[in-house]
Amino acid sequence: MQGLATTQDRGEGLARVRARGAHDRLESETVAFHERVRNGYHALAGHEPDRWLKVDGQGTTEEVARRVRAALEGGGLKVPAGRP
């Protein structure tokens, strides 16, 4: 899996970041901007499915990390023990 890229689809992520009150340049962009970025990543993943790992980003950090680990290990990649 050389050159592996991941994308996590988190529909509510931007709303959560904005609710925290911390806004950097990207977080201050419009929802339309973030949708275009999301669609761009999905298009890239569609063109190179062997290079991209798409993971459901809903849930806690630990839940998402477990999904990423399981997907990587399911593809034959050894993941070092440690954080979820």
N, C-alpha and C. Protein backbone atom coordinates (compact mmCIF):
# COMPACT_ATOMS: atom_id res chain seq x y z
N MET A 1 0.82 -1.19 0.00
CA MET A 1 0.00 0.00 0.00
C MET A 1 0.86 1.25 0.00
N GLN A 2 1.81 1.30 -0.85
CA GLN A 2 2.68 2.45 -0.92
C GLN A 2 1.89 3.66 -1.39
N GLY A 3 2.11 4.79 -0.74
CA GLY A 3 1.42 6.00 -1.12
C GLY A 3 -0.04 6.01 -0.70
N LEU A 4 -0.37 5.28 0.34
CA LEU A 4 -1.75 5.19 0.81
C LEU A 4 -2.22 6.54 1.31
N ALA A 5 -3.43 6.90 0.95
CA ALA A 5 -4.06 8.13 1.42
C ALA A 5 -5.38 7.76 2.08
N THR A 6 -5.78 8.52 3.06
CA THR A 6 -7.06 8.25 3.72
C THR A 6 -7.95 9.47 3.64
N THR A 7 -9.23 9.22 3.67
CA THR A 7 -10.21 10.29 3.77
C THR A 7 -11.26 9.84 4.77
N GLN A 8 -11.58 10.72 5.67
CA GLN A 8 -12.61 10.43 6.67
C GLN A 8 -13.80 11.33 6.40
N ASP A 9 -14.92 10.72 6.21
CA ASP A 9 -16.12 11.48 5.90
C ASP A 9 -16.82 11.84 7.20
N ARG A 10 -16.79 13.12 7.55
CA ARG A 10 -17.38 13.58 8.80
C ARG A 10 -18.32 14.73 8.50
N GLY A 11 -19.55 14.42 8.28
CA GLY A 11 -20.52 15.43 7.92
C GLY A 11 -20.69 16.52 8.95
N GLU A 12 -20.63 16.16 10.22
CA GLU A 12 -20.88 17.15 11.28
C GLU A 12 -19.61 17.81 11.77
N GLY A 13 -18.47 17.45 11.25
CA GLY A 13 -17.18 17.93 11.75
C GLY A 13 -17.03 19.43 11.77
N LEU A 14 -17.40 20.10 10.69
CA LEU A 14 -17.24 21.55 10.61
C LEU A 14 -18.12 22.25 11.65
N ALA A 15 -19.34 21.78 11.82
CA ALA A 15 -20.24 22.39 12.81
C ALA A 15 -19.66 22.26 14.21
N ARG A 16 -19.05 21.10 14.49
CA ARG A 16 -18.44 20.90 15.81
C ARG A 16 -17.27 21.83 16.04
N VAL A 17 -16.44 22.01 15.02
CA VAL A 17 -15.29 22.90 15.13
C VAL A 17 -15.76 24.33 15.36
N ARG A 18 -16.75 24.75 14.61
CA ARG A 18 -17.25 26.11 14.75
C ARG A 18 -17.88 26.33 16.13
N ALA A 19 -18.49 25.31 16.68
CA ALA A 19 -19.11 25.43 18.00
C ALA A 19 -18.05 25.66 19.09
N ARG A 20 -16.82 25.18 18.85
CA ARG A 20 -15.74 25.38 19.83
C ARG A 20 -15.31 26.83 19.88
N GLY A 21 -15.58 27.57 18.83
CA GLY A 21 -15.23 28.98 18.81
C GLY A 21 -13.86 29.27 18.23
N ALA A 22 -13.06 28.26 17.96
CA ALA A 22 -11.73 28.46 17.38
C ALA A 22 -11.85 28.40 15.87
N HIS A 23 -11.44 29.46 15.20
CA HIS A 23 -11.57 29.50 13.75
C HIS A 23 -10.23 29.87 13.12
N ASP A 24 -9.67 28.96 12.35
CA ASP A 24 -8.50 29.33 11.56
C ASP A 24 -8.99 29.65 10.15
N ARG A 25 -8.08 29.85 9.25
CA ARG A 25 -8.46 30.25 7.89
C ARG A 25 -9.38 29.22 7.24
N LEU A 26 -9.06 27.93 7.35
CA LEU A 26 -9.89 26.90 6.73
C LEU A 26 -11.23 26.75 7.43
N GLU A 27 -11.22 26.80 8.75
CA GLU A 27 -12.47 26.64 9.49
C GLU A 27 -13.42 27.80 9.24
N SER A 28 -12.90 28.93 8.83
CA SER A 28 -13.73 30.10 8.55
C SER A 28 -14.35 30.07 7.16
N GLU A 29 -13.93 29.12 6.34
CA GLU A 29 -14.49 29.01 4.99
C GLU A 29 -15.96 28.58 5.05
N THR A 30 -16.65 28.79 3.94
CA THR A 30 -18.07 28.45 3.86
C THR A 30 -18.28 26.94 3.79
N VAL A 31 -19.50 26.52 4.08
CA VAL A 31 -19.85 25.11 3.95
C VAL A 31 -19.69 24.67 2.50
N ALA A 32 -20.02 25.54 1.56
CA ALA A 32 -19.87 25.21 0.13
C ALA A 32 -18.42 24.89 -0.21
N PHE A 33 -17.48 25.65 0.35
CA PHE A 33 -16.06 25.38 0.13
C PHE A 33 -15.70 23.98 0.63
N HIS A 34 -16.14 23.66 1.84
CA HIS A 34 -15.82 22.35 2.42
C HIS A 34 -16.47 21.21 1.64
N GLU A 35 -17.64 21.45 1.09
CA GLU A 35 -18.28 20.45 0.25
C GLU A 35 -17.48 20.21 -1.03
N ARG A 36 -16.96 21.29 -1.62
CA ARG A 36 -16.13 21.14 -2.83
C ARG A 36 -14.86 20.35 -2.52
N VAL A 37 -14.24 20.63 -1.38
CA VAL A 37 -13.04 19.88 -0.98
C VAL A 37 -13.38 18.41 -0.79
N ARG A 38 -14.47 18.14 -0.06
CA ARG A 38 -14.92 16.76 0.19
C ARG A 38 -15.16 16.05 -1.14
N ASN A 39 -15.87 16.71 -2.05
CA ASN A 39 -16.15 16.09 -3.34
C ASN A 39 -14.88 15.83 -4.13
N GLY A 40 -13.91 16.72 -4.01
CA GLY A 40 -12.62 16.52 -4.67
C GLY A 40 -11.90 15.29 -4.16
N TYR A 41 -11.90 15.11 -2.85
CA TYR A 41 -11.26 13.91 -2.27
C TYR A 41 -11.98 12.64 -2.70
N HIS A 42 -13.29 12.69 -2.74
CA HIS A 42 -14.05 11.52 -3.17
C HIS A 42 -13.77 11.20 -4.64
N ALA A 43 -13.60 12.23 -5.47
CA ALA A 43 -13.27 12.01 -6.87
C ALA A 43 -11.89 11.36 -7.00
N LEU A 44 -10.92 11.86 -6.23
CA LEU A 44 -9.58 11.26 -6.24
C LEU A 44 -9.64 9.79 -5.83
N ALA A 45 -10.39 9.51 -4.79
CA ALA A 45 -10.51 8.13 -4.31
C ALA A 45 -11.18 7.26 -5.36
N GLY A 46 -12.12 7.81 -6.10
CA GLY A 46 -12.79 7.04 -7.15
C GLY A 46 -11.87 6.71 -8.31
N HIS A 47 -10.91 7.59 -8.60
CA HIS A 47 -9.98 7.37 -9.70
C HIS A 47 -8.84 6.43 -9.32
N GLU A 48 -8.50 6.37 -8.04
CA GLU A 48 -7.40 5.50 -7.58
C GLU A 48 -7.84 4.72 -6.34
N PRO A 49 -8.82 3.83 -6.48
CA PRO A 49 -9.36 3.14 -5.31
C PRO A 49 -8.34 2.28 -4.55
N ASP A 50 -7.31 1.81 -5.25
CA ASP A 50 -6.30 1.00 -4.57
C ASP A 50 -5.37 1.84 -3.70
N ARG A 51 -5.37 3.14 -3.92
CA ARG A 51 -4.49 4.02 -3.16
C ARG A 51 -5.20 4.67 -1.98
N TRP A 52 -6.51 4.75 -2.03
CA TRP A 52 -7.28 5.47 -1.02
C TRP A 52 -8.01 4.51 -0.09
N LEU A 53 -8.06 4.89 1.14
CA LEU A 53 -8.81 4.16 2.16
C LEU A 53 -9.88 5.11 2.68
N LYS A 54 -11.13 4.79 2.42
CA LYS A 54 -12.22 5.63 2.88
C LYS A 54 -12.76 5.04 4.19
N VAL A 55 -12.85 5.90 5.20
CA VAL A 55 -13.25 5.46 6.53
C VAL A 55 -14.38 6.37 7.03
N ASP A 56 -15.38 5.77 7.64
CA ASP A 56 -16.45 6.54 8.25
C ASP A 56 -15.87 7.30 9.43
N GLY A 57 -15.95 8.61 9.40
CA GLY A 57 -15.37 9.45 10.43
C GLY A 57 -16.33 9.82 11.55
N GLN A 58 -17.52 9.23 11.57
CA GLN A 58 -18.49 9.53 12.63
C GLN A 58 -18.09 8.80 13.90
N GLY A 59 -18.28 9.44 15.04
CA GLY A 59 -18.00 8.81 16.33
C GLY A 59 -16.83 9.47 17.03
N THR A 60 -16.41 8.85 18.09
CA THR A 60 -15.30 9.38 18.88
C THR A 60 -13.99 9.16 18.14
N THR A 61 -12.97 9.84 18.60
CA THR A 61 -11.63 9.66 18.03
C THR A 61 -11.21 8.19 18.11
N GLU A 62 -11.50 7.57 19.24
CA GLU A 62 -11.11 6.17 19.44
C GLU A 62 -11.86 5.24 18.49
N GLU A 63 -13.16 5.50 18.27
CA GLU A 63 -13.94 4.67 17.35
C GLU A 63 -13.40 4.79 15.92
N VAL A 64 -13.10 6.00 15.50
CA VAL A 64 -12.58 6.22 14.15
C VAL A 64 -11.21 5.57 14.03
N ALA A 65 -10.37 5.71 15.04
CA ALA A 65 -9.04 5.10 15.01
C ALA A 65 -9.14 3.59 14.89
N ARG A 66 -10.09 2.98 15.58
CA ARG A 66 -10.28 1.52 15.47
C ARG A 66 -10.70 1.13 14.06
N ARG A 67 -11.55 1.94 13.43
CA ARG A 67 -11.96 1.65 12.06
C ARG A 67 -10.78 1.76 11.10
N VAL A 68 -9.96 2.78 11.28
CA VAL A 68 -8.79 2.95 10.43
C VAL A 68 -7.85 1.76 10.61
N ARG A 69 -7.57 1.40 11.86
CA ARG A 69 -6.68 0.26 12.14
C ARG A 69 -7.22 -1.01 11.50
N ALA A 70 -8.51 -1.29 11.68
CA ALA A 70 -9.10 -2.51 11.12
C ALA A 70 -9.01 -2.51 9.60
N ALA A 71 -9.26 -1.37 8.97
CA ALA A 71 -9.19 -1.30 7.52
C ALA A 71 -7.76 -1.51 7.02
N LEU A 72 -6.81 -0.91 7.71
CA LEU A 72 -5.40 -1.08 7.32
C LEU A 72 -4.97 -2.53 7.49
N GLU A 73 -5.29 -3.11 8.63
CA GLU A 73 -4.90 -4.49 8.88
C GLU A 73 -5.62 -5.45 7.95
N GLY A 74 -6.86 -5.11 7.57
CA GLY A 74 -7.61 -5.92 6.61
C GLY A 74 -6.96 -5.91 5.24
N GLY A 75 -6.20 -4.88 4.95
CA GLY A 75 -5.47 -4.77 3.68
C GLY A 75 -4.08 -5.36 3.75
N GLY A 76 -3.74 -5.96 4.89
CA GLY A 76 -2.43 -6.60 5.02
C GLY A 76 -1.34 -5.71 5.55
N LEU A 77 -1.66 -4.52 6.01
CA LEU A 77 -0.66 -3.60 6.54
C LEU A 77 -0.54 -3.81 8.04
N LYS A 78 0.65 -4.00 8.53
CA LYS A 78 0.87 -4.16 9.97
C LYS A 78 0.88 -2.79 10.63
N VAL A 79 0.07 -2.66 11.67
CA VAL A 79 -0.04 -1.39 12.37
C VAL A 79 0.57 -1.56 13.75
N PRO A 80 1.53 -0.72 14.14
CA PRO A 80 2.17 -0.88 15.45
C PRO A 80 1.15 -0.69 16.57
N ALA A 81 1.36 -1.42 17.64
CA ALA A 81 0.50 -1.28 18.82
C ALA A 81 0.73 0.09 19.43
N GLY A 82 -0.22 0.52 20.20
CA GLY A 82 -0.10 1.83 20.84
C GLY A 82 -1.46 2.46 20.92
N ARG A 83 -1.52 3.71 20.55
CA ARG A 83 -2.79 4.42 20.57
C ARG A 83 -3.78 3.73 19.64
N PRO A 84 -5.08 3.92 19.90
CA PRO A 84 -6.10 3.24 19.10
C PRO A 84 -5.93 3.58 17.69
